[in-house]
Amino acid sequence: MNKSLVLASLVAALSLAACGKKEEVIVPVPAPVAAPAPMPAAVEAAASAASAVVGAAEATASAAAGAATMAKDAVGAAKDAAAKAADAVKK
């Protein structure tokens, strides 16, 4: 019986020791991925589009300034015509 008791306690100790152990799982960490460089054609296209927008804005500003000058001249001509018409009515 002593042998049985010693053998049973030995088996119990081994089984408890085996259950307590956990396997270490090593997870590989993926390397960071570098961002791709912008495509030269896309950069050139963006620069070309930006320059076209600037050109259009300058043309619009020039046209607006020209229209303002023409409107000012038209107001002056209308004022002169109104003054001449008033003088003609008085005579």
C-alpha atoms as a PDB file:
ATOM      1  CA  MET A   1       0.000   0.000   0.000  1.00  0.00           C
ATOM      2  CA  ASN A   2       2.893   2.364   0.674  1.00  0.00           C
ATOM      3  CA  LYS A   3       4.137   1.782  -2.847  1.00  0.00           C
ATOM      4  CA  SER A   4       0.685   2.528  -4.231  1.00  0.00           C
ATOM      5  CA  LEU A   5       0.412   5.687  -2.186  1.00  0.00           C
ATOM      6  CA  VAL A   6       3.863   6.900  -3.273  1.00  0.00           C
ATOM      7  CA  LEU A   7       3.146   6.010  -6.901  1.00  0.00           C
ATOM      8  CA  ALA A   8      -0.244   7.778  -6.804  1.00  0.00           C
ATOM      9  CA  SER A   9       1.249  10.923  -5.286  1.00  0.00           C
ATOM     10  CA  LEU A  10       4.050  10.843  -7.890  1.00  0.00           C
ATOM     11  CA  VAL A  11       1.531  10.590 -10.750  1.00  0.00           C
ATOM     12  CA  ALA A  12      -0.545  13.384  -9.223  1.00  0.00           C
ATOM     13  CA  ALA A  13       2.493  15.619  -8.851  1.00  0.00           C
ATOM     14  CA  LEU A  14       3.575  15.002 -12.450  1.00  0.00           C
ATOM     15  CA  SER A  15       0.091  15.662 -13.822  1.00  0.00           C
ATOM     16  CA  LEU A  16      -0.242  18.898 -11.825  1.00  0.00           C
ATOM     17  CA  ALA A  17       3.184  20.046 -13.004  1.00  0.00           C
ATOM     18  CA  ALA A  18       2.290  19.258 -16.620  1.00  0.00           C
ATOM     19  CA  CYS A  19      -1.021  21.125 -16.430  1.00  0.00           C
ATOM     20  CA  GLY A  20       0.633  24.217 -14.982  1.00  0.00           C
ATOM     21  CA  LYS A  21       3.078  24.615 -17.862  1.00  0.00           C
ATOM     22  CA  LYS A  22       2.058  26.779 -20.787  1.00  0.00           C
ATOM     23  CA  GLU A  23       3.746  26.777 -24.148  1.00  0.00           C
ATOM     24  CA  GLU A  24       5.183  30.096 -25.168  1.00  0.00           C
ATOM     25  CA  VAL A  25       3.861  31.154 -28.547  1.00  0.00           C
ATOM     26  CA  ILE A  26       6.182  33.423 -30.496  1.00  0.00           C
ATOM     27  CA  VAL A  27       4.313  35.672 -32.890  1.00  0.00           C
ATOM     28  CA  PRO A  28       6.462  37.298 -35.564  1.00  0.00           C
ATOM     29  CA  VAL A  29       5.981  41.058 -35.803  1.00  0.00           C
ATOM     30  CA  PRO A  30       5.481  42.199 -39.395  1.00  0.00           C
ATOM     31  CA  ALA A  31       7.914  44.801 -40.658  1.00  0.00           C
ATOM     32  CA  PRO A  32       6.423  48.254 -41.304  1.00  0.00           C
ATOM     33  CA  VAL A  33       5.631  48.924 -44.937  1.00  0.00           C
ATOM     34  CA  ALA A  34       7.110  52.092 -46.422  1.00  0.00           C
ATOM     35  CA  ALA A  35       4.675  54.365 -48.234  1.00  0.00           C
ATOM     36  CA  PRO A  36       5.177  54.367 -51.979  1.00  0.00           C
ATOM     37  CA  ALA A  37       6.732  57.469 -53.503  1.00  0.00           C
ATOM     38  CA  PRO A  38       4.339  59.648 -55.512  1.00  0.00           C
ATOM     39  CA  MET A  39       4.375  59.026 -59.218  1.00  0.00           C
ATOM     40  CA  PRO A  40       6.294  61.697 -61.158  1.00  0.00           C
ATOM     41  CA  ALA A  41       3.563  61.903 -63.802  1.00  0.00           C
ATOM     42  CA  ALA A  42       0.948  62.631 -61.143  1.00  0.00           C
ATOM     43  CA  VAL A  43       3.128  65.317 -59.594  1.00  0.00           C
ATOM     44  CA  GLU A  44       3.709  66.932 -62.977  1.00  0.00           C
ATOM     45  CA  ALA A  45       0.006  66.783 -63.786  1.00  0.00           C
ATOM     46  CA  ALA A  46      -0.863  68.416 -60.473  1.00  0.00           C
ATOM     47  CA  ALA A  47       1.696  71.169 -61.053  1.00  0.00           C
ATOM     48  CA  SER A  48       0.356  71.738 -64.565  1.00  0.00           C
ATOM     49  CA  ALA A  49      -3.213  71.932 -63.281  1.00  0.00           C
ATOM     50  CA  ALA A  50      -2.206  74.390 -60.574  1.00  0.00           C
ATOM     51  CA  SER A  51      -0.450  76.583 -63.103  1.00  0.00           C
ATOM     52  CA  ALA A  52      -3.529  76.485 -65.353  1.00  0.00           C
ATOM     53  CA  VAL A  53      -5.713  77.563 -62.437  1.00  0.00           C
ATOM     54  CA  VAL A  54      -3.367  80.462 -61.672  1.00  0.00           C
ATOM     55  CA  GLY A  55      -3.425  81.504 -65.327  1.00  0.00           C
ATOM     56  CA  ALA A  56      -7.217  81.382 -65.421  1.00  0.00           C
ATOM     57  CA  ALA A  57      -7.439  83.445 -62.241  1.00  0.00           C
ATOM     58  CA  GLU A  58      -5.118  86.067 -63.676  1.00  0.00           C
ATOM     59  CA  ALA A  59      -7.134  86.194 -66.910  1.00  0.00           C
ATOM     60  CA  THR A  60     -10.364  86.574 -64.937  1.00  0.00           C
ATOM     61  CA  ALA A  61      -8.890  89.387 -62.852  1.00  0.00           C
ATOM     62  CA  SER A  62      -7.694  91.144 -65.993  1.00  0.00           C
ATOM     63  CA  ALA A  63     -11.096  90.768 -67.640  1.00  0.00           C
ATOM     64  CA  ALA A  64     -12.830  92.090 -64.527  1.00  0.00           C
ATOM     65  CA  ALA A  65     -10.533  95.111 -64.463  1.00  0.00           C
ATOM     66  CA  GLY A  66     -11.242  95.735 -68.143  1.00  0.00           C
ATOM     67  CA  ALA A  67     -14.980  95.433 -67.571  1.00  0.00           C
ATOM     68  CA  ALA A  68     -14.778  97.893 -64.695  1.00  0.00           C
ATOM     69  CA  THR A  69     -12.953 100.395 -66.883  1.00  0.00           C
ATOM     70  CA  MET A  70     -15.517  99.966 -69.656  1.00  0.00           C
ATOM     71  CA  ALA A  71     -18.379 100.407 -67.186  1.00  0.00           C
ATOM     72  CA  LYS A  72     -16.765 103.576 -65.849  1.00  0.00           C
ATOM     73  CA  ASP A  73     -16.402 104.938 -69.384  1.00  0.00           C
ATOM     74  CA  ALA A  74     -20.030 104.031 -70.168  1.00  0.00           C
ATOM     75  CA  VAL A  75     -21.241 105.845 -67.052  1.00  0.00           C
ATOM     76  CA  GLY A  76     -19.237 108.913 -68.072  1.00  0.00           C
ATOM     77  CA  ALA A  77     -20.682 108.805 -71.605  1.00  0.00           C
ATOM     78  CA  ALA A  78     -24.215 108.409 -70.255  1.00  0.00           C
ATOM     79  CA  LYS A  79     -23.673 111.325 -67.920  1.00  0.00           C
ATOM     80  CA  ASP A  80     -22.466 113.504 -70.807  1.00  0.00           C
ATOM     81  CA  ALA A  81     -25.403 112.426 -72.978  1.00  0.00           C
ATOM     82  CA  ALA A  82     -27.843 113.244 -70.164  1.00  0.00           C
ATOM     83  CA  ALA A  83     -26.253 116.660 -69.713  1.00  0.00           C
ATOM     84  CA  LYS A  84     -26.519 117.374 -73.466  1.00  0.00           C
ATOM     85  CA  ALA A  85     -30.129 116.241 -73.471  1.00  0.00           C
ATOM     86  CA  ALA A  86     -30.903 118.537 -70.531  1.00  0.00           C
ATOM     87  CA  ASP A  87     -29.257 121.452 -72.330  1.00  0.00           C
ATOM     88  CA  ALA A  88     -31.243 120.707 -75.474  1.00  0.00           C
ATOM     89  CA  VAL A  89     -34.511 120.718 -73.541  1.00  0.00           C
ATOM     90  CA  LYS A  90     -33.668 124.070 -71.943  1.00  0.00           C
ATOM     91  CA  LYS A  91     -33.072 125.741 -75.348  1.00  0.00           C
END
